[in-house]
Amino acid sequence: MKYENDLEYGEAFARQKTQQIKKQFSDPKIQQVIAFYQGEAVGYVDLILSNHTVEIDELSVVHIKHQNKGIGSHIQRFVMDQYLDKKIILVADGEDTPREMYSKQNYEYLGFKYEFLKTEL
């Protein structure tokens, strides 16, 4: 499921991400969550755990046919319900972030960061 999503950035990237996920699987500071809709895996998120925070990272609904069904919101609610004693941090891509959804969920905007990926042709 995630591999298919990562292919958008190229096969080499998707393979590298697969290796990263396997490595993170045994890391107690990373929790990987998969969302199901009518028996089909449709979304995922990585949670980065620390003493006081949980960072929501890589939140994604896989197929466009499953978007606008509240799956992303349910994933976030699951995180909030599981970690009532921690501050929830959401790192979002500025270009495709559904800002209205985050605003409705009472996230507070703190800032932005630029990131670049250098590739060789």
C-alpha atoms as a PDB file:
ATOM      1  CA  MET A   1       0.000   0.000   0.000  1.00  0.00           C
ATOM      2  CA  LYS A   2       2.612   2.587   1.010  1.00  0.00           C
ATOM      3  CA  TYR A   3       5.006   1.343  -1.662  1.00  0.00           C
ATOM      4  CA  GLU A   4       2.440   2.206  -4.328  1.00  0.00           C
ATOM      5  CA  ASN A   5       2.116   5.709  -2.909  1.00  0.00           C
ATOM      6  CA  ASP A   6       5.888   6.167  -2.759  1.00  0.00           C
ATOM      7  CA  LEU A   7       6.286   5.126  -6.407  1.00  0.00           C
ATOM      8  CA  GLU A   8       5.056   8.597  -7.295  1.00  0.00           C
ATOM      9  CA  TYR A   9       8.594   9.757  -6.414  1.00  0.00           C
ATOM     10  CA  GLY A  10      10.333   6.952  -8.282  1.00  0.00           C
ATOM     11  CA  GLU A  11      11.171   3.296  -7.772  1.00  0.00           C
ATOM     12  CA  ALA A  12      14.480   3.977  -6.006  1.00  0.00           C
ATOM     13  CA  PHE A  13      12.705   6.219  -3.497  1.00  0.00           C
ATOM     14  CA  ALA A  14       9.969   3.627  -2.897  1.00  0.00           C
ATOM     15  CA  ARG A  15      12.548   0.874  -2.269  1.00  0.00           C
ATOM     16  CA  GLN A  16      14.478   3.103   0.138  1.00  0.00           C
ATOM     17  CA  LYS A  17      11.283   3.928   2.045  1.00  0.00           C
ATOM     18  CA  THR A  18      10.483   0.213   2.305  1.00  0.00           C
ATOM     19  CA  GLN A  19      13.852  -0.383   3.957  1.00  0.00           C
ATOM     20  CA  GLN A  20      13.265   2.543   6.296  1.00  0.00           C
ATOM     21  CA  ILE A  21       9.862   1.175   7.334  1.00  0.00           C
ATOM     22  CA  LYS A  22      11.354  -2.239   8.080  1.00  0.00           C
ATOM     23  CA  LYS A  23      14.025  -0.623  10.240  1.00  0.00           C
ATOM     24  CA  GLN A  24      11.481   1.543  12.071  1.00  0.00           C
ATOM     25  CA  PHE A  25       9.218  -1.448  12.761  1.00  0.00           C
ATOM     26  CA  SER A  26      11.375  -2.560  15.673  1.00  0.00           C
ATOM     27  CA  ASP A  27      11.985   0.977  16.985  1.00  0.00           C
ATOM     28  CA  PRO A  28       9.927   1.495  20.178  1.00  0.00           C
ATOM     29  CA  LYS A  29       9.825   5.243  19.496  1.00  0.00           C
ATOM     30  CA  ILE A  30       7.965   4.729  16.192  1.00  0.00           C
ATOM     31  CA  GLN A  31       4.443   3.366  15.949  1.00  0.00           C
ATOM     32  CA  GLN A  32       3.027   2.556  12.518  1.00  0.00           C
ATOM     33  CA  VAL A  33      -0.752   2.687  12.142  1.00  0.00           C
ATOM     34  CA  ILE A  34      -2.808   1.426   9.193  1.00  0.00           C
ATOM     35  CA  ALA A  35      -6.436   2.444   8.657  1.00  0.00           C
ATOM     36  CA  PHE A  36      -8.991   0.090   7.125  1.00  0.00           C
ATOM     37  CA  TYR A  37     -12.233   0.998   5.366  1.00  0.00           C
ATOM     38  CA  GLN A  38     -14.661  -1.815   4.559  1.00  0.00           C
ATOM     39  CA  GLY A  39     -11.857  -4.374   4.967  1.00  0.00           C
ATOM     40  CA  GLU A  40      -9.386  -2.565   2.691  1.00  0.00           C
ATOM     41  CA  ALA A  41      -6.206  -0.849   3.904  1.00  0.00           C
ATOM     42  CA  VAL A  42      -6.747   2.773   2.889  1.00  0.00           C
ATOM     43  CA  GLY A  43      -4.491   4.972   5.006  1.00  0.00           C
ATOM     44  CA  TYR A  44      -1.421   5.031   7.183  1.00  0.00           C
ATOM     45  CA  VAL A  45       0.520   7.174   9.573  1.00  0.00           C
ATOM     46  CA  ASP A  46       3.816   6.990  11.410  1.00  0.00           C
ATOM     47  CA  LEU A  47       3.822   8.187  14.998  1.00  0.00           C
ATOM     48  CA  ILE A  48       7.057   9.419  16.518  1.00  0.00           C
ATOM     49  CA  LEU A  49       6.810   9.021  20.276  1.00  0.00           C
ATOM     50  CA  SER A  50       8.670  10.978  22.940  1.00  0.00           C
ATOM     51  CA  ASN A  51       8.127  11.595  26.644  1.00  0.00           C
ATOM     52  CA  HIS A  52       5.778  14.539  26.136  1.00  0.00           C
ATOM     53  CA  THR A  53       4.734  14.490  22.491  1.00  0.00           C
ATOM     54  CA  VAL A  54       3.478  12.312  19.664  1.00  0.00           C
ATOM     55  CA  GLU A  55       4.366  13.530  16.200  1.00  0.00           C
ATOM     56  CA  ILE A  56       2.009  12.548  13.407  1.00  0.00           C
ATOM     57  CA  ASP A  57       4.194  11.946  10.366  1.00  0.00           C
ATOM     58  CA  GLU A  58       3.473  10.582   6.876  1.00  0.00           C
ATOM     59  CA  LEU A  59      -0.304  10.838   7.301  1.00  0.00           C
ATOM     60  CA  SER A  60      -1.802   9.682   4.029  1.00  0.00           C
ATOM     61  CA  VAL A  61      -4.990   8.292   2.543  1.00  0.00           C
ATOM     62  CA  VAL A  62      -3.790   6.020  -0.216  1.00  0.00           C
ATOM     63  CA  HIS A  63      -6.329   6.107  -3.029  1.00  0.00           C
ATOM     64  CA  ILE A  64      -8.246   9.163  -4.166  1.00  0.00           C
ATOM     65  CA  LYS A  65     -11.474   7.121  -4.156  1.00  0.00           C
ATOM     66  CA  HIS A  66     -11.176   6.979  -0.359  1.00  0.00           C
ATOM     67  CA  GLN A  67     -10.534  10.673   0.183  1.00  0.00           C
ATOM     68  CA  ASN A  68     -13.183  12.966   1.658  1.00  0.00           C
ATOM     69  CA  LYS A  69     -14.590  10.117   3.752  1.00  0.00           C
ATOM     70  CA  GLY A  70     -13.110  11.338   7.030  1.00  0.00           C
ATOM     71  CA  ILE A  71     -10.402   8.663   7.123  1.00  0.00           C
ATOM     72  CA  GLY A  72      -7.598  11.156   7.819  1.00  0.00           C
ATOM     73  CA  SER A  73      -9.691  12.712  10.587  1.00  0.00           C
ATOM     74  CA  HIS A  74     -10.379   9.283  12.110  1.00  0.00           C
ATOM     75  CA  ILE A  75      -6.680   8.445  12.092  1.00  0.00           C
ATOM     76  CA  GLN A  76      -5.919  11.675  13.923  1.00  0.00           C
ATOM     77  CA  ARG A  77      -8.744  11.119  16.413  1.00  0.00           C
ATOM     78  CA  PHE A  78      -7.350   7.628  17.094  1.00  0.00           C
ATOM     79  CA  VAL A  79      -3.962   9.170  17.908  1.00  0.00           C
ATOM     80  CA  MET A  80      -5.501  11.806  20.156  1.00  0.00           C
ATOM     81  CA  ASP A  81      -7.587   9.200  21.996  1.00  0.00           C
ATOM     82  CA  GLN A  82      -4.586   6.883  22.493  1.00  0.00           C
ATOM     83  CA  TYR A  83      -2.270   9.579  23.830  1.00  0.00           C
ATOM     84  CA  LEU A  84      -4.420  11.811  26.016  1.00  0.00           C
ATOM     85  CA  ASP A  85      -1.435  12.731  28.201  1.00  0.00           C
ATOM     86  CA  LYS A  86       0.785  13.955  25.340  1.00  0.00           C
ATOM     87  CA  LYS A  87       0.849  16.960  23.034  1.00  0.00           C
ATOM     88  CA  ILE A  88       0.045  15.919  19.461  1.00  0.00           C
ATOM     89  CA  ILE A  89       2.229  17.462  16.772  1.00  0.00           C
ATOM     90  CA  LEU A  90       1.308  17.295  13.105  1.00  0.00           C
ATOM     91  CA  VAL A  91       3.980  17.871  10.466  1.00  0.00           C
ATOM     92  CA  ALA A  92       2.283  18.631   7.164  1.00  0.00           C
ATOM     93  CA  ASP A  93       3.367  19.273   3.590  1.00  0.00           C
ATOM     94  CA  GLY A  94       2.620  22.915   2.833  1.00  0.00           C
ATOM     95  CA  GLU A  95       1.641  22.282  -0.765  1.00  0.00           C
ATOM     96  CA  ASP A  96      -1.069  19.671  -0.303  1.00  0.00           C
ATOM     97  CA  THR A  97      -2.072  20.128   3.308  1.00  0.00           C
ATOM     98  CA  PRO A  98      -5.846  20.150   3.886  1.00  0.00           C
ATOM     99  CA  ARG A  99      -5.549  23.227   6.110  1.00  0.00           C
ATOM    100  CA  GLU A 100      -9.283  23.596   6.720  1.00  0.00           C
ATOM    101  CA  MET A 101      -9.416  20.083   8.214  1.00  0.00           C
ATOM    102  CA  TYR A 102      -6.508  20.844  10.540  1.00  0.00           C
ATOM    103  CA  SER A 103      -8.052  24.141  11.577  1.00  0.00           C
ATOM    104  CA  LYS A 104     -11.354  22.406  12.430  1.00  0.00           C
ATOM    105  CA  GLN A 105      -9.401  19.944  14.566  1.00  0.00           C
ATOM    106  CA  ASN A 106      -7.913  22.841  16.570  1.00  0.00           C
ATOM    107  CA  TYR A 107      -4.313  22.453  15.445  1.00  0.00           C
ATOM    108  CA  GLU A 108      -2.241  25.551  16.058  1.00  0.00           C
ATOM    109  CA  TYR A 109       0.029  26.738  13.237  1.00  0.00           C
ATOM    110  CA  LEU A 110       3.571  27.202  14.574  1.00  0.00           C
ATOM    111  CA  GLY A 111       5.729  27.760  11.523  1.00  0.00           C
ATOM    112  CA  PHE A 112       7.125  26.350   8.322  1.00  0.00           C
ATOM    113  CA  LYS A 113      10.293  24.852   6.937  1.00  0.00           C
ATOM    114  CA  TYR A 114      11.616  24.450   3.407  1.00  0.00           C
ATOM    115  CA  GLU A 115      13.042  21.129   2.287  1.00  0.00           C
ATOM    116  CA  PHE A 116      14.906  20.289  -0.882  1.00  0.00           C
ATOM    117  CA  LEU A 117      15.793  17.005  -2.510  1.00  0.00           C
ATOM    118  CA  LYS A 118      18.848  16.959  -4.725  1.00  0.00           C
ATOM    119  CA  THR A 119      18.822  14.414  -7.507  1.00  0.00           C
ATOM    120  CA  GLU A 120      21.361  13.638 -10.157  1.00  0.00           C
ATOM    121  CA  LEU A 121      20.257  13.153 -13.720  1.00  0.00           C
END
